């Protein structure tokens, strides 16, 4: 099975081509640049490098968030458009789940997270059991302070994975001490190849029904809804 995996849900732009569970090509950058301009050229170049035509693809797998609103939209829209044009299945995978693959051989709780500003994070808890990644805590948008308090009460070692680890490293170490496991830099960057693996056995989404998972409303939308509610109350 020929698979194209696309991740633009955060700062990292990752594109991978897999044959089954084998990565045959991958492109990744971790730069603050415009994904909308760079994604299709990256896909086109990678497909040429691995000598594969779009018509030979069997499935497209995309990171559907949480993360950057714009980044998530770009990836999901591109994946849906390509899947529709090629008449092949598309699978959406949680960006947090993909990041958890960096802790594949950690025997304990994994806490992947992305900064959501103002002390908030997009996060969930995962654990590898019998060679399968299982969610042990539902993905939510929470204060990191509350996340650390919950983890502190569990009295277990926790592997923290995040491209935004520097923002919360001090608070994590202060809150959990030696029970907080924080690896080196490369482990905090999600890999498009892992995205391909994560979506390999998942059921396809209905192409037009696949939607981003923001975990919260965009700020502009939230403000608009708040204003509408206030208008109704004053009406």
C-alpha atoms as a PDB file:
ATOM      1  CA  UNK A   1       0.000   0.000   0.000  1.00  0.00           C
ATOM      2  CA  UNK A   2       1.388   3.394  -1.038  1.00  0.00           C
ATOM      3  CA  UNK A   3       0.711   6.101   1.538  1.00  0.00           C
ATOM      4  CA  UNK A   4       1.256   9.857   1.606  1.00  0.00           C
ATOM      5  CA  UNK A   5       1.412  11.371   5.107  1.00  0.00           C
ATOM      6  CA  UNK A   6       1.028  15.141   5.583  1.00  0.00           C
ATOM      7  CA  UNK A   7       1.593  17.170   8.751  1.00  0.00           C
ATOM      8  CA  UNK A   8       1.378  20.963   8.816  1.00  0.00           C
ATOM      9  CA  UNK A   9      -0.528  21.158  12.101  1.00  0.00           C
ATOM     10  CA  UNK A  10       2.259  23.033  13.906  1.00  0.00           C
ATOM     11  CA  UNK A  11       5.543  24.730  13.026  1.00  0.00           C
ATOM     12  CA  UNK A  12       6.967  21.517  11.593  1.00  0.00           C
ATOM     13  CA  UNK A  13       6.166  20.760   7.971  1.00  0.00           C
ATOM     14  CA  UNK A  14       6.439  17.022   7.411  1.00  0.00           C
ATOM     15  CA  UNK A  15       5.666  14.929   4.351  1.00  0.00           C
ATOM     16  CA  UNK A  16       6.362  11.209   4.102  1.00  0.00           C
ATOM     17  CA  UNK A  17       5.786   8.467   1.540  1.00  0.00           C
ATOM     18  CA  UNK A  18       5.427   4.921   2.840  1.00  0.00           C
ATOM     19  CA  UNK A  19       5.031   1.494   1.311  1.00  0.00           C
ATOM     20  CA  UNK A  20       3.096  -0.260   4.025  1.00  0.00           C
ATOM     21  CA  UNK A  21       4.993   0.444   7.251  1.00  0.00           C
ATOM     22  CA  UNK A  22       8.256   1.228   5.448  1.00  0.00           C
ATOM     23  CA  UNK A  23       9.255   4.861   4.926  1.00  0.00           C
ATOM     24  CA  UNK A  24      10.744   5.320   1.463  1.00  0.00           C
ATOM     25  CA  UNK A  25      11.028   9.099   1.566  1.00  0.00           C
ATOM     26  CA  UNK A  26      10.495  11.988   3.924  1.00  0.00           C
ATOM     27  CA  UNK A  27      10.813  15.777   3.957  1.00  0.00           C
ATOM     28  CA  UNK A  28      10.776  17.765   7.178  1.00  0.00           C
ATOM     29  CA  UNK A  29      11.502  21.334   8.212  1.00  0.00           C
ATOM     30  CA  UNK A  30      11.121  22.967  11.613  1.00  0.00           C
ATOM     31  CA  UNK A  31      11.031  26.598  10.572  1.00  0.00           C
ATOM     32  CA  UNK A  32       8.609  29.482  10.915  1.00  0.00           C
ATOM     33  CA  UNK A  33       7.614  29.629   7.266  1.00  0.00           C
ATOM     34  CA  UNK A  34       4.386  29.653   5.277  1.00  0.00           C
ATOM     35  CA  UNK A  35       3.087  26.083   4.960  1.00  0.00           C
ATOM     36  CA  UNK A  36       0.530  27.082   2.328  1.00  0.00           C
ATOM     37  CA  UNK A  37       3.288  28.107  -0.089  1.00  0.00           C
ATOM     38  CA  UNK A  38       5.638  25.208   0.663  1.00  0.00           C
ATOM     39  CA  UNK A  39       3.436  22.137   1.116  1.00  0.00           C
ATOM     40  CA  UNK A  40       2.530  21.244  -2.481  1.00  0.00           C
ATOM     41  CA  UNK A  41       6.087  21.832  -3.805  1.00  0.00           C
ATOM     42  CA  UNK A  42       7.374  19.578  -0.994  1.00  0.00           C
ATOM     43  CA  UNK A  43       4.885  16.841  -1.930  1.00  0.00           C
ATOM     44  CA  UNK A  44       5.687  17.137  -5.627  1.00  0.00           C
ATOM     45  CA  UNK A  45       9.444  17.015  -5.048  1.00  0.00           C
ATOM     46  CA  UNK A  46       9.230  14.036  -2.685  1.00  0.00           C
ATOM     47  CA  UNK A  47       6.983  12.062  -5.045  1.00  0.00           C
ATOM     48  CA  UNK A  48       9.512  12.600  -7.840  1.00  0.00           C
ATOM     49  CA  UNK A  49      12.398  11.586  -5.573  1.00  0.00           C
ATOM     50  CA  UNK A  50      10.757   8.246  -4.774  1.00  0.00           C
ATOM     51  CA  UNK A  51       9.618   7.770  -8.401  1.00  0.00           C
ATOM     52  CA  UNK A  52       5.953   7.588  -7.551  1.00  0.00           C
ATOM     53  CA  UNK A  53       3.060   9.194  -9.389  1.00  0.00           C
ATOM     54  CA  UNK A  54       0.048  10.548  -7.475  1.00  0.00           C
ATOM     55  CA  UNK A  55      -2.123   7.969  -9.265  1.00  0.00           C
ATOM     56  CA  UNK A  56      -0.138   5.231  -7.518  1.00  0.00           C
ATOM     57  CA  UNK A  57      -1.146   6.398  -4.036  1.00  0.00           C
ATOM     58  CA  UNK A  58      -3.613   4.206  -2.139  1.00  0.00           C
ATOM     59  CA  UNK A  59      -4.243   6.370   0.920  1.00  0.00           C
ATOM     60  CA  UNK A  60      -3.546   9.824   2.341  1.00  0.00           C
ATOM     61  CA  UNK A  61      -3.034  10.318   6.071  1.00  0.00           C
ATOM     62  CA  UNK A  62      -3.110  13.793   7.602  1.00  0.00           C
ATOM     63  CA  UNK A  63      -2.496  15.291  11.035  1.00  0.00           C
ATOM     64  CA  UNK A  64      -5.849  16.896  11.889  1.00  0.00           C
ATOM     65  CA  UNK A  65      -4.796  18.873  14.967  1.00  0.00           C
ATOM     66  CA  UNK A  66      -4.793  20.231  17.548  1.00  0.00           C
ATOM     67  CA  UNK A  67      -2.226  22.888  16.789  1.00  0.00           C
ATOM     68  CA  UNK A  68      -2.039  26.003  14.667  1.00  0.00           C
ATOM     69  CA  UNK A  69      -5.466  26.854  13.249  1.00  0.00           C
ATOM     70  CA  UNK A  70      -4.000  27.915   9.913  1.00  0.00           C
ATOM     71  CA  UNK A  71      -1.557  25.022   9.771  1.00  0.00           C
ATOM     72  CA  UNK A  72      -4.217  22.419  10.536  1.00  0.00           C
ATOM     73  CA  UNK A  73      -6.554  23.855   7.887  1.00  0.00           C
ATOM     74  CA  UNK A  74      -3.822  23.801   5.244  1.00  0.00           C
ATOM     75  CA  UNK A  75      -2.949  20.165   5.843  1.00  0.00           C
ATOM     76  CA  UNK A  76      -6.522  18.887   6.096  1.00  0.00           C
ATOM     77  CA  UNK A  77      -7.713  20.874   3.053  1.00  0.00           C
ATOM     78  CA  UNK A  78      -4.799  19.642   0.941  1.00  0.00           C
ATOM     79  CA  UNK A  79      -5.294  16.021   2.012  1.00  0.00           C
ATOM     80  CA  UNK A  80      -9.045  16.125   1.327  1.00  0.00           C
ATOM     81  CA  UNK A  81      -8.581  17.747  -2.078  1.00  0.00           C
ATOM     82  CA  UNK A  82      -5.973  15.198  -3.156  1.00  0.00           C
ATOM     83  CA  UNK A  83      -8.002  12.266  -1.833  1.00  0.00           C
ATOM     84  CA  UNK A  84     -11.112  13.470  -3.646  1.00  0.00           C
ATOM     85  CA  UNK A  85      -9.235  14.086  -6.914  1.00  0.00           C
ATOM     86  CA  UNK A  86      -7.511  10.687  -6.774  1.00  0.00           C
ATOM     87  CA  UNK A  87     -10.600   8.901  -5.424  1.00  0.00           C
ATOM     88  CA  UNK A  88      -8.664   7.305  -2.552  1.00  0.00           C
ATOM     89  CA  UNK A  89      -9.307   7.130   1.218  1.00  0.00           C
ATOM     90  CA  UNK A  90      -8.173   9.848   3.611  1.00  0.00           C
ATOM     91  CA  UNK A  91      -7.468   9.307   7.310  1.00  0.00           C
ATOM     92  CA  UNK A  92      -7.202  12.018   9.955  1.00  0.00           C
ATOM     93  CA  UNK A  93      -4.946  11.371  12.954  1.00  0.00           C
ATOM     94  CA  UNK A  94      -4.524  13.392  16.148  1.00  0.00           C
ATOM     95  CA  UNK A  95      -1.352  15.482  16.111  1.00  0.00           C
ATOM     96  CA  UNK A  96      -0.848  14.616  19.785  1.00  0.00           C
ATOM     97  CA  UNK A  97      -1.070  10.912  18.997  1.00  0.00           C
ATOM     98  CA  UNK A  98       1.606  11.326  16.316  1.00  0.00           C
ATOM     99  CA  UNK A  99       3.922  13.080  18.766  1.00  0.00           C
ATOM    100  CA  UNK A 100       3.437  10.227  21.251  1.00  0.00           C
ATOM    101  CA  UNK A 101       5.166   7.880  18.804  1.00  0.00           C
ATOM    102  CA  UNK A 102       8.415   9.569  19.858  1.00  0.00           C
ATOM    103  CA  UNK A 103       7.943   7.770  23.173  1.00  0.00           C
ATOM    104  CA  UNK A 104       7.448   4.370  21.523  1.00  0.00           C
ATOM    105  CA  UNK A 105       9.743   2.536  23.933  1.00  0.00           C
ATOM    106  CA  UNK A 106       8.907   4.416  27.119  1.00  0.00           C
ATOM    107  CA  UNK A 107       7.308   2.187  29.730  1.00  0.00           C
ATOM    108  CA  UNK A 108       5.002   4.700  31.359  1.00  0.00           C
ATOM    109  CA  UNK A 109       2.647   7.612  30.774  1.00  0.00           C
ATOM    110  CA  UNK A 110       3.363   9.931  27.845  1.00  0.00           C
ATOM    111  CA  UNK A 111       2.222  13.548  27.945  1.00  0.00           C
ATOM    112  CA  UNK A 112       2.438  15.201  24.498  1.00  0.00           C
ATOM    113  CA  UNK A 113       1.401  18.839  24.369  1.00  0.00           C
ATOM    114  CA  UNK A 114       1.352  21.972  22.238  1.00  0.00           C
ATOM    115  CA  UNK A 115       1.351  25.475  23.650  1.00  0.00           C
ATOM    116  CA  UNK A 116      -2.053  27.177  23.352  1.00  0.00           C
ATOM    117  CA  UNK A 117      -0.898  30.481  24.931  1.00  0.00           C
ATOM    118  CA  UNK A 118      -1.889  32.144  28.202  1.00  0.00           C
ATOM    119  CA  UNK A 119      -0.735  29.144  30.216  1.00  0.00           C
ATOM    120  CA  UNK A 120      -2.983  26.779  28.270  1.00  0.00           C
ATOM    121  CA  UNK A 121      -1.896  23.662  26.379  1.00  0.00           C
ATOM    122  CA  UNK A 122      -3.466  21.154  24.016  1.00  0.00           C
ATOM    123  CA  UNK A 123      -2.692  17.830  25.634  1.00  0.00           C
ATOM    124  CA  UNK A 124      -3.743  14.276  26.435  1.00  0.00           C
ATOM    125  CA  UNK A 125      -2.132  11.252  28.057  1.00  0.00           C
ATOM    126  CA  UNK A 126      -1.038   8.150  26.180  1.00  0.00           C
ATOM    127  CA  UNK A 127       0.624   4.847  26.990  1.00  0.00           C
ATOM    128  CA  UNK A 128       2.040   1.997  24.930  1.00  0.00           C
ATOM    129  CA  UNK A 129       0.434  -1.315  25.860  1.00  0.00           C
ATOM    130  CA  UNK A 130       0.988  -4.581  23.957  1.00  0.00           C
ATOM    131  CA  UNK A 131       2.541  -2.679  21.041  1.00  0.00           C
ATOM    132  CA  UNK A 132      -0.489  -0.395  20.730  1.00  0.00           C
ATOM    133  CA  UNK A 133      -0.740   3.262  21.659  1.00  0.00           C
ATOM    134  CA  UNK A 134      -3.714   3.834  23.935  1.00  0.00           C
ATOM    135  CA  UNK A 135      -5.252   7.094  25.102  1.00  0.00           C
ATOM    136  CA  UNK A 136      -5.489   7.117  28.898  1.00  0.00           C
ATOM    137  CA  UNK A 137      -6.730  10.701  29.215  1.00  0.00           C
ATOM    138  CA  UNK A 138      -8.947  12.520  26.732  1.00  0.00           C
ATOM    139  CA  UNK A 139      -7.329  15.281  24.698  1.00  0.00           C
ATOM    140  CA  UNK A 140      -8.312  18.685  26.001  1.00  0.00           C
ATOM    141  CA  UNK A 141      -7.357  22.350  26.123  1.00  0.00           C
ATOM    142  CA  UNK A 142      -6.219  22.874  29.726  1.00  0.00           C
ATOM    143  CA  UNK A 143      -4.057  25.030  31.929  1.00  0.00           C
ATOM    144  CA  UNK A 144      -0.638  23.401  32.210  1.00  0.00           C
ATOM    145  CA  UNK A 145      -0.850  24.108  35.928  1.00  0.00           C
ATOM    146  CA  UNK A 146      -3.902  21.808  36.164  1.00  0.00           C
ATOM    147  CA  UNK A 147      -2.247  19.131  34.007  1.00  0.00           C
ATOM    148  CA  UNK A 148       0.787  19.028  36.285  1.00  0.00           C
ATOM    149  CA  UNK A 149      -1.377  18.856  39.396  1.00  0.00           C
ATOM    150  CA  UNK A 150      -3.250  15.852  37.976  1.00  0.00           C
ATOM    151  CA  UNK A 151      -0.006  14.108  37.032  1.00  0.00           C
ATOM    152  CA  UNK A 152       1.508  14.843  40.422  1.00  0.00           C
ATOM    153  CA  UNK A 153      -1.358  13.002  42.112  1.00  0.00           C
ATOM    154  CA  UNK A 154      -0.812   9.903  39.958  1.00  0.00           C
ATOM    155  CA  UNK A 155       2.680   9.320  41.361  1.00  0.00           C
ATOM    156  CA  UNK A 156       4.148   7.824  38.199  1.00  0.00           C
ATOM    157  CA  UNK A 157       6.969   8.741  35.814  1.00  0.00           C
ATOM    158  CA  UNK A 158       5.803  10.883  32.894  1.00  0.00           C
ATOM    159  CA  UNK A 159       7.508  11.434  29.549  1.00  0.00           C
ATOM    160  CA  UNK A 160       6.871  14.974  28.304  1.00  0.00           C
ATOM    161  CA  UNK A 161       7.041  15.570  24.545  1.00  0.00           C
ATOM    162  CA  UNK A 162       6.490  18.944  22.911  1.00  0.00           C
ATOM    163  CA  UNK A 163       8.058  21.298  20.375  1.00  0.00           C
ATOM    164  CA  UNK A 164       7.165  23.948  22.979  1.00  0.00           C
ATOM    165  CA  UNK A 165       8.911  22.163  25.854  1.00  0.00           C
ATOM    166  CA  UNK A 166      11.144  25.169  26.631  1.00  0.00           C
ATOM    167  CA  UNK A 167       8.109  27.253  27.646  1.00  0.00           C
ATOM    168  CA  UNK A 168       7.048  24.836  30.385  1.00  0.00           C
ATOM    169  CA  UNK A 169      10.227  22.946  31.258  1.00  0.00           C
ATOM    170  CA  UNK A 170      10.855  24.830  34.494  1.00  0.00           C
ATOM    171  CA  UNK A 171       7.256  24.375  35.686  1.00  0.00           C
ATOM    172  CA  UNK A 172       7.312  20.671  34.780  1.00  0.00           C
ATOM    173  CA  UNK A 173      10.528  20.011  36.669  1.00  0.00           C
ATOM    174  CA  UNK A 174       9.301  22.014  39.645  1.00  0.00           C
ATOM    175  CA  UNK A 175       5.963  20.193  39.716  1.00  0.00           C
ATOM    176  CA  UNK A 176       7.096  16.608  39.199  1.00  0.00           C
ATOM    177  CA  UNK A 177      10.788  16.607  40.053  1.00  0.00           C
ATOM    178  CA  UNK A 178      12.578  13.376  39.100  1.00  0.00           C
ATOM    179  CA  UNK A 179       9.342  11.817  37.865  1.00  0.00           C
ATOM    180  CA  UNK A 180       9.375  14.177  34.879  1.00  0.00           C
ATOM    181  CA  UNK A 181      11.282  12.684  31.951  1.00  0.00           C
ATOM    182  CA  UNK A 182      12.291  15.315  29.394  1.00  0.00           C
ATOM    183  CA  UNK A 183      14.412  13.995  26.473  1.00  0.00           C
ATOM    184  CA  UNK A 184      16.692  15.868  24.081  1.00  0.00           C
ATOM    185  CA  UNK A 185      15.494  18.194  21.327  1.00  0.00           C
ATOM    186  CA  UNK A 186      14.875  15.801  18.386  1.00  0.00           C
ATOM    187  CA  UNK A 187      12.410  13.719  20.424  1.00  0.00           C
ATOM    188  CA  UNK A 188      10.078  16.706  20.683  1.00  0.00           C
ATOM    189  CA  UNK A 189       9.556  16.997  16.928  1.00  0.00           C
ATOM    190  CA  UNK A 190       6.706  14.966  15.360  1.00  0.00           C
ATOM    191  CA  UNK A 191       7.697  12.789  12.398  1.00  0.00           C
ATOM    192  CA  UNK A 192       5.576  12.402   9.274  1.00  0.00           C
ATOM    193  CA  UNK A 193       6.656   8.762   9.085  1.00  0.00           C
ATOM    194  CA  UNK A 194       5.096   8.176  12.499  1.00  0.00           C
ATOM    195  CA  UNK A 195       1.928   9.836  11.206  1.00  0.00           C
ATOM    196  CA  UNK A 196       1.860   7.271   8.409  1.00  0.00           C
ATOM    197  CA  UNK A 197       2.232   4.428  10.906  1.00  0.00           C
ATOM    198  CA  UNK A 198      -0.432   5.870  13.201  1.00  0.00           C
ATOM    199  CA  UNK A 199      -2.995   5.987  10.398  1.00  0.00           C
ATOM    200  CA  UNK A 200      -2.042   2.715   8.733  1.00  0.00           C
ATOM    201  CA  UNK A 201      -4.778   0.606  10.335  1.00  0.00           C
ATOM    202  CA  UNK A 202      -7.326   3.324  11.126  1.00  0.00           C
ATOM    203  CA  UNK A 203     -10.654   3.386   9.327  1.00  0.00           C
ATOM    204  CA  UNK A 204     -10.821   6.046   6.582  1.00  0.00           C
ATOM    205  CA  UNK A 205     -12.866   9.180   7.137  1.00  0.00           C
ATOM    206  CA  UNK A 206     -15.573  10.299   4.751  1.00  0.00           C
ATOM    207  CA  UNK A 207     -13.573  12.704   2.603  1.00  0.00           C
ATOM    208  CA  UNK A 208     -15.938  15.670   2.791  1.00  0.00           C
ATOM    209  CA  UNK A 209     -16.765  15.029   6.451  1.00  0.00           C
ATOM    210  CA  UNK A 210     -13.153  15.068   7.707  1.00  0.00           C
ATOM    211  CA  UNK A 211     -12.727  18.197   9.817  1.00  0.00           C
ATOM    212  CA  UNK A 212      -9.857  19.695  11.805  1.00  0.00           C
ATOM    213  CA  UNK A 213      -9.735  19.011  15.535  1.00  0.00           C
ATOM    214  CA  UNK A 214      -8.994  22.403  17.057  1.00  0.00           C
ATOM    215  CA  UNK A 215     -10.013  21.430  20.627  1.00  0.00           C
ATOM    216  CA  UNK A 216     -11.247  25.002  21.017  1.00  0.00           C
ATOM    217  CA  UNK A 217     -12.752  27.779  18.938  1.00  0.00           C
ATOM    218  CA  UNK A 218     -10.539  30.238  17.151  1.00  0.00           C
ATOM    219  CA  UNK A 219     -10.341  33.463  19.168  1.00  0.00           C
ATOM    220  CA  UNK A 220     -12.225  35.474  16.560  1.00  0.00           C
ATOM    221  CA  UNK A 221     -15.019  32.905  16.460  1.00  0.00           C
ATOM    222  CA  UNK A 222     -15.204  32.746  20.252  1.00  0.00           C
ATOM    223  CA  UNK A 223     -15.452  36.551  20.464  1.00  0.00           C
ATOM    224  CA  UNK A 224     -18.182  36.585  17.804  1.00  0.00           C
ATOM    225  CA  UNK A 225     -20.232  33.959  19.658  1.00  0.00           C
ATOM    226  CA  UNK A 226     -19.783  35.854  22.913  1.00  0.00           C
ATOM    227  CA  UNK A 227     -21.021  39.054  21.275  1.00  0.00           C
ATOM    228  CA  UNK A 228     -24.029  37.240  19.794  1.00  0.00           C
ATOM    229  CA  UNK A 229     -24.957  35.832  23.184  1.00  0.00           C
ATOM    230  CA  UNK A 230     -24.663  39.273  24.815  1.00  0.00           C
ATOM    231  CA  UNK A 231     -26.892  40.758  22.108  1.00  0.00           C
ATOM    232  CA  UNK A 232     -29.520  38.059  22.745  1.00  0.00           C
ATOM    233  CA  UNK A 233     -29.415  38.743  26.481  1.00  0.00           C
ATOM    234  CA  UNK A 234     -29.934  42.453  25.890  1.00  0.00           C
ATOM    235  CA  UNK A 235     -32.599  41.890  23.244  1.00  0.00           C
END
